Amino acid sequence: MAISDSINGLISKTRDVAGTANALVNLPGIPDSIRNSVSSLFGTGTGVRPSSNRRDLSNFIATTSKLNGFTRPAYYYVEIAPPKMLRGESQNARTLAFLTESTNLPGVSLNTSDIRRYGYGPTERKPYAPTFVDLSMSFYVDAAGLVQSFFYKWMNGIVRFESTMNGSQAIVNNTAMRPFEVNYKDEYESDIIITTVDEANNDIINVRLTKAFPIFFGDISLGWSDSDSISRLPITFSYYNWKIEKINLLQIQENRQPGLVQSLLKAGTALQTLASIRKPTGVADIINVVNNTSLAIGRLF
């Protein structure tokens, strides 16, 4: 065997051992004594430095498990509080949560200006104000006409576009308004909450749009060839601001006290896990033993 082949084989084995050691020290719940021993073996004080942490499947799984997995675009719901001028539409507003076909989580951009850092020479951007992008939603159009009626009343109550020839007053949403008259903002603004949930229907993040109101009532396409489709109404909202109200789901689960039955079930599962652990015969078995032991201990305590 050539010397180069021997060196290449040694390098390959070293990489395998280093990758295994890296996976070992990054396992959740591993005792500090084992982590420190592996770290000292490879000459590092803070752990084995990963050569490619992104491509390490065990680290990826461990990291995503700590984060409770990923969110899915289809797991959400929308709450629209009716404005003051639509006080009698509370039940219809709650129904909109079931008829919201699609929406987006809002974004923000920063307006910047170009300045010269020394009064001359190259320029750099300096932010000075945020810009909030209008939010578009799509609603299923129900056969009772609730969706169309709700948003029609809302927009007509902001600026009365039901005009008459003589320009006389009319009662719109319990308010006397002339054609094309603009209502007071505190009468038509409202809050919208978009909530993302996990597969168990637990809230993850609430996004609240403050002082929101519709600015666009889209057209609804009709056609003889669309007999198997559902009509959709696009609505665009403007708003004053938005903020994220985050719910720390992992912290809630840690602080939740299980009942007696849940504790007994967890203890039985943990004992079964401990009983199934066999004596390790290699590094890979050590990793499995540590992982299974950590899982069992977590279920017990």
Protein backbone atom coordinates (compact mmCIF):
# COMPACT_ATOMS: atom_id res chain seq x y z
CA MET A 1 0.00 0.00 0.00
CA ALA A 2 1.35 3.42 -0.92
CA ILE A 3 2.13 5.97 1.76
CA SER A 4 -0.38 8.42 0.24
CA ASP A 5 -3.15 5.81 0.55
CA SER A 6 -2.28 5.26 4.20
CA ILE A 7 -2.34 9.00 4.88
CA ASN A 8 -5.65 9.42 3.09
CA GLY A 9 -7.13 6.53 5.07
CA LEU A 10 -5.89 8.06 8.32
CA ILE A 11 -7.37 11.44 7.41
CA SER A 12 -10.71 9.81 6.54
CA LYS A 13 -10.83 7.93 9.85
CA THR A 14 -9.87 11.08 11.74
CA ARG A 15 -12.73 12.98 10.13
CA ASP A 16 -15.17 10.22 11.04
CA VAL A 17 -13.99 10.21 14.65
CA ALA A 18 -14.12 14.02 14.84
CA GLY A 19 -17.61 14.07 13.39
CA THR A 20 -18.75 11.43 15.87
CA ALA A 21 -17.18 13.32 18.76
CA ASN A 22 -18.81 16.53 17.58
CA ALA A 23 -22.20 14.83 17.45
CA LEU A 24 -21.60 13.41 20.92
CA VAL A 25 -20.77 16.71 22.62
CA ASN A 26 -23.74 18.44 20.96
CA LEU A 27 -26.36 15.93 22.05
CA PRO A 28 -28.98 17.58 24.27
CA GLY A 29 -28.83 16.50 27.89
CA ILE A 30 -25.42 14.85 27.72
CA PRO A 31 -23.56 15.04 31.09
CA ASP A 32 -20.84 17.65 31.35
CA SER A 33 -18.33 15.00 32.39
CA ILE A 34 -18.66 13.19 29.04
CA ARG A 35 -18.67 16.44 27.08
CA ASN A 36 -15.53 17.70 28.86
CA SER A 37 -13.74 14.37 28.38
CA VAL A 38 -14.39 14.33 24.65
CA SER A 39 -13.41 17.99 24.37
CA SER A 40 -10.14 17.49 26.22
CA LEU A 41 -9.36 14.45 24.06
CA PHE A 42 -9.46 16.63 20.96
CA GLY A 43 -7.52 19.48 22.58
CA THR A 44 -10.34 22.04 22.84
CA GLY A 45 -11.72 23.62 25.96
CA THR A 46 -15.18 24.48 24.66
CA GLY A 47 -16.03 21.42 22.58
CA VAL A 48 -15.18 19.95 19.20
CA ARG A 49 -15.47 22.57 16.51
CA PRO A 50 -17.73 21.31 13.74
CA SER A 51 -16.25 21.28 10.27
CA SER A 52 -19.69 21.56 8.71
CA ASN A 53 -22.37 22.13 11.31
CA ARG A 54 -25.03 22.80 8.67
CA ARG A 55 -24.48 19.43 6.99
CA ASP A 56 -24.35 17.52 10.26
CA LEU A 57 -27.69 15.70 10.36
CA SER A 58 -27.58 14.96 14.09
CA ASN A 59 -26.91 18.61 14.95
CA PHE A 60 -29.64 19.70 12.55
CA ILE A 61 -32.18 17.37 14.14
CA ALA A 62 -31.14 18.36 17.66
CA THR A 63 -31.38 22.07 16.84
CA THR A 64 -34.80 21.83 15.18
CA SER A 65 -36.09 19.69 18.06
CA LYS A 66 -35.13 22.42 20.51
CA LEU A 67 -37.05 24.89 18.34
CA ASN A 68 -40.17 22.67 18.28
CA GLY A 69 -39.81 22.01 14.53
CA PHE A 70 -40.94 24.40 11.81
CA THR A 71 -44.04 26.46 11.17
CA ARG A 72 -46.29 25.58 8.24
CA PRO A 73 -47.99 28.19 6.04
CA ALA A 74 -51.38 26.49 6.34
CA TYR A 75 -51.44 26.60 10.15
CA TYR A 76 -52.80 30.02 11.06
CA TYR A 77 -55.97 31.94 11.81
CA VAL A 78 -57.02 35.59 11.55
CA GLU A 79 -59.03 37.65 14.02
CA ILE A 80 -60.62 40.91 12.84
CA ALA A 81 -62.20 43.10 15.49
CA PRO A 82 -65.11 45.14 14.10
CA PRO A 83 -64.62 48.92 14.25
CA LYS A 84 -66.86 51.21 16.31
CA MET A 85 -69.17 51.95 13.41
CA LEU A 86 -69.83 48.20 12.98
CA ARG A 87 -70.65 47.39 16.59
CA GLY A 88 -73.45 45.06 15.58
CA GLU A 89 -71.17 42.95 13.32
CA SER A 90 -69.22 41.15 16.07
CA GLN A 91 -70.59 37.71 15.20
CA ASN A 92 -69.91 38.24 11.50
CA ALA A 93 -66.37 39.39 12.30
CA ARG A 94 -65.74 36.15 14.21
CA THR A 95 -67.02 34.15 11.23
CA LEU A 96 -64.34 35.75 9.04
CA ALA A 97 -61.72 33.65 10.84
CA PHE A 98 -63.13 30.58 9.08
CA LEU A 99 -63.45 32.28 5.68
CA THR A 100 -59.92 33.73 5.42
CA GLU A 101 -58.37 31.84 2.52
CA SER A 102 -54.90 33.38 2.55
CA THR A 103 -52.90 36.21 4.05
CA ASN A 104 -49.32 37.28 4.65
CA LEU A 105 -47.42 38.14 7.75
CA PRO A 106 -46.62 41.87 7.47
CA GLY A 107 -43.20 43.20 6.61
CA VAL A 108 -41.34 46.45 7.14
CA SER A 109 -38.69 48.37 5.26
CA LEU A 110 -36.45 51.19 6.42
CA ASN A 111 -36.26 54.41 4.46
CA THR A 112 -32.67 55.51 4.04
CA SER A 113 -30.83 58.56 2.81
CA ASP A 114 -27.39 58.68 1.23
CA ILE A 115 -24.85 60.73 3.14
CA ARG A 116 -21.12 61.29 2.77
CA ARG A 117 -19.43 60.00 5.88
CA TYR A 118 -16.84 62.82 5.98
CA GLY A 119 -18.80 65.41 4.06
CA TYR A 120 -17.09 64.18 0.94
CA GLY A 121 -15.91 60.88 -0.53
CA PRO A 122 -17.97 57.65 -0.60
CA THR A 123 -21.61 57.61 0.44
CA GLU A 124 -23.37 55.30 2.88
CA ARG A 125 -27.00 54.77 3.74
CA LYS A 126 -28.50 55.95 7.00
CA PRO A 127 -32.00 54.85 8.07
CA TYR A 128 -34.45 57.45 9.31
CA ALA A 129 -38.00 56.01 9.22
CA PRO A 130 -39.87 52.69 8.79
CA THR A 131 -42.33 51.99 6.00
CA PHE A 132 -45.11 49.43 6.51
CA VAL A 133 -46.35 47.62 3.44
CA ASP A 134 -50.11 47.23 2.92
CA LEU A 135 -51.39 43.77 3.75
CA SER A 136 -53.48 41.75 1.27
CA MET A 137 -55.94 39.05 2.29
CA SER A 138 -58.27 36.78 0.36
CA PHE A 139 -61.64 35.64 1.69
CA TYR A 140 -63.97 32.89 0.53
CA VAL A 141 -67.26 34.39 -0.62
CA ASP A 142 -70.11 32.67 1.21
CA ALA A 143 -73.55 32.06 -0.29
CA ALA A 144 -75.18 34.15 2.47
CA GLY A 145 -73.28 37.25 1.33
CA LEU A 146 -71.71 37.86 4.76
CA VAL A 147 -68.18 38.59 3.52
CA GLN A 148 -69.25 41.04 0.82
CA SER A 149 -71.71 42.79 3.11
CA PHE A 150 -69.22 43.17 5.98
CA PHE A 151 -66.44 44.76 3.94
CA TYR A 152 -68.89 46.79 1.84
CA LYS A 153 -70.32 48.38 4.99
CA TRP A 154 -66.83 48.93 6.36
CA MET A 155 -65.49 50.73 3.28
CA ASN A 156 -68.69 52.65 2.69
CA GLY A 157 -68.50 53.84 6.28
CA ILE A 158 -64.96 55.16 5.76
CA VAL A 159 -65.78 57.20 2.65
CA ARG A 160 -69.42 57.14 1.64
CA PHE A 161 -69.33 56.29 -2.05
CA GLU A 162 -73.09 55.65 -2.28
CA SER A 163 -73.89 59.02 -3.86
CA THR A 164 -77.25 60.52 -4.79
CA MET A 165 -78.08 63.18 -7.33
CA ASN A 166 -79.19 65.81 -4.83
CA GLY A 167 -76.41 65.06 -2.35
CA SER A 168 -78.78 64.53 0.56
CA GLN A 169 -77.72 62.83 3.76
CA ALA A 170 -78.24 59.15 4.29
CA ILE A 171 -77.86 56.84 7.25
CA VAL A 172 -74.82 54.64 6.67
CA ASN A 173 -73.83 52.25 9.47
CA ASN A 174 -75.98 54.24 11.94
CA THR A 175 -74.16 57.46 10.99
CA ALA A 176 -75.54 60.36 8.96
CA MET A 177 -73.07 60.94 6.13
CA ARG A 178 -73.22 62.91 2.90
CA PRO A 179 -71.94 61.40 -0.37
CA PHE A 180 -68.13 61.13 -0.42
CA GLU A 181 -67.87 62.37 3.15
CA VAL A 182 -64.95 60.92 5.15
CA ASN A 183 -65.66 59.47 8.56
CA TYR A 184 -63.57 59.98 11.72
CA LYS A 185 -60.64 57.59 11.94
CA ASP A 186 -61.50 56.27 15.41
CA GLU A 187 -64.83 55.12 13.94
CA TYR A 188 -63.41 52.90 11.19
CA GLU A 189 -60.00 51.73 12.45
CA SER A 190 -59.58 48.37 14.15
CA ASP A 191 -57.00 45.75 15.16
CA ILE A 192 -56.23 42.59 13.20
CA ILE A 193 -54.41 39.65 14.78
CA ILE A 194 -52.71 36.94 12.70
CA THR A 195 -51.72 33.89 14.72
CA THR A 196 -49.49 31.04 13.58
CA VAL A 197 -50.03 27.68 15.26
CA ASP A 198 -48.27 24.32 15.38
CA GLU A 199 -49.72 20.93 14.47
CA ALA A 200 -51.21 20.61 17.97
CA ASN A 201 -53.04 23.94 17.52
CA ASN A 202 -50.82 25.71 20.06
CA ASP A 203 -50.23 29.40 19.40
CA ILE A 204 -46.69 30.23 18.30
CA ILE A 205 -46.62 33.90 17.35
CA ASN A 206 -49.29 36.60 17.33
CA VAL A 207 -48.86 39.49 14.90
CA ARG A 208 -51.08 42.46 15.76
CA LEU A 209 -51.87 45.14 13.18
CA THR A 210 -52.98 48.28 15.00
CA LYS A 211 -55.43 50.84 13.63
CA ALA A 212 -56.08 48.82 10.47
CA PHE A 213 -58.79 49.51 7.87
CA PRO A 214 -59.54 48.27 4.33
CA ILE A 215 -58.40 50.41 1.42
CA PHE A 216 -59.14 48.03 -1.46
CA PHE A 217 -62.27 45.99 -2.16
CA GLY A 218 -61.32 43.79 -5.09
CA ASP A 219 -63.49 42.57 -7.90
CA ILE A 220 -64.79 39.01 -7.95
CA SER A 221 -64.39 37.09 -11.18
CA LEU A 222 -67.37 35.11 -12.48
CA GLY A 223 -67.55 32.66 -15.35
CA TRP A 224 -69.58 29.73 -16.66
CA SER A 225 -66.48 27.55 -16.83
CA ASP A 226 -65.73 28.00 -13.09
CA SER A 227 -68.61 25.89 -11.84
CA ASP A 228 -66.31 23.83 -9.58
CA SER A 229 -64.48 26.82 -8.07
CA ILE A 230 -65.15 28.98 -5.02
CA SER A 231 -65.39 32.74 -5.39
CA ARG A 232 -62.78 34.78 -3.55
CA LEU A 233 -62.78 38.41 -2.47
CA PRO A 234 -59.40 40.20 -2.25
CA ILE A 235 -59.13 42.85 0.46
CA THR A 236 -56.12 45.11 1.13
CA PHE A 237 -55.59 46.68 4.55
CA SER A 238 -53.60 49.70 5.60
CA TYR A 239 -52.51 50.05 9.22
CA TYR A 240 -50.62 52.30 11.59
CA ASN A 241 -48.12 49.80 12.99
CA TRP A 242 -47.59 46.12 13.69
CA LYS A 243 -45.82 44.15 16.38
CA ILE A 244 -45.04 40.54 17.20
CA GLU A 245 -46.50 39.16 20.40
CA LYS A 246 -44.45 35.99 20.77
CA ILE A 247 -45.57 33.07 22.89
CA ASN A 248 -42.67 31.06 24.29
CA LEU A 249 -44.21 27.65 23.77
CA LEU A 250 -41.17 25.75 25.04
CA GLN A 251 -41.20 27.73 28.28
CA ILE A 252 -44.92 27.08 28.72
CA GLN A 253 -44.36 23.35 28.31
CA GLU A 254 -41.52 23.35 30.82
CA ASN A 255 -43.60 25.16 33.45
CA ARG A 256 -46.71 23.06 32.91
CA GLN A 257 -47.28 20.60 35.78
CA PRO A 258 -48.41 17.17 34.50
CA GLY A 259 -51.20 15.29 36.17
CA LEU A 260 -50.81 11.96 37.97
CA VAL A 261 -51.91 9.87 34.99
CA GLN A 262 -49.56 11.70 32.62
CA SER A 263 -46.69 11.26 35.08
CA LEU A 264 -47.31 7.51 35.39
CA LEU A 265 -47.49 7.12 31.60
CA LYS A 266 -44.24 9.03 31.16
CA ALA A 267 -42.54 7.01 33.89
CA GLY A 268 -43.63 3.71 32.32
CA THR A 269 -42.34 4.77 28.90
CA ALA A 270 -39.05 5.89 30.45
CA LEU A 271 -38.56 2.59 32.26
CA GLN A 272 -39.20 0.71 29.03
CA THR A 273 -36.60 2.86 27.31
CA LEU A 274 -34.02 2.22 30.04
CA ALA A 275 -34.70 -1.51 29.97
CA SER A 276 -34.15 -1.67 26.20
CA ILE A 277 -30.69 -0.03 26.35
CA ARG A 278 -27.97 -2.56 25.64
CA LYS A 279 -24.28 -2.47 26.47
CA PRO A 280 -22.40 -0.29 23.93
CA THR A 281 -19.79 -1.90 21.71
CA GLY A 282 -18.58 1.15 19.78
CA VAL A 283 -18.74 4.90 19.43
CA ALA A 284 -22.04 4.78 17.55
CA ASP A 285 -23.56 2.68 20.33
CA ILE A 286 -22.28 5.18 22.90
CA ILE A 287 -24.14 7.94 21.08
CA ASN A 288 -27.35 5.90 21.01
CA VAL A 289 -27.02 5.02 24.69
CA VAL A 290 -26.48 8.65 25.68
CA ASN A 291 -29.38 9.80 23.52
CA ASN A 292 -31.80 7.15 24.82
CA THR A 293 -30.70 7.66 28.43
CA SER A 294 -31.19 11.41 28.11
CA LEU A 295 -34.66 10.83 26.65
CA ALA A 296 -35.61 8.44 29.43
CA ILE A 297 -34.33 10.74 32.17
CA GLY A 298 -36.22 13.65 30.62
CA ARG A 299 -39.43 11.63 30.73
CA LEU A 300 -38.87 10.67 34.36
CA PHE A 301 -38.02 14.17 35.58
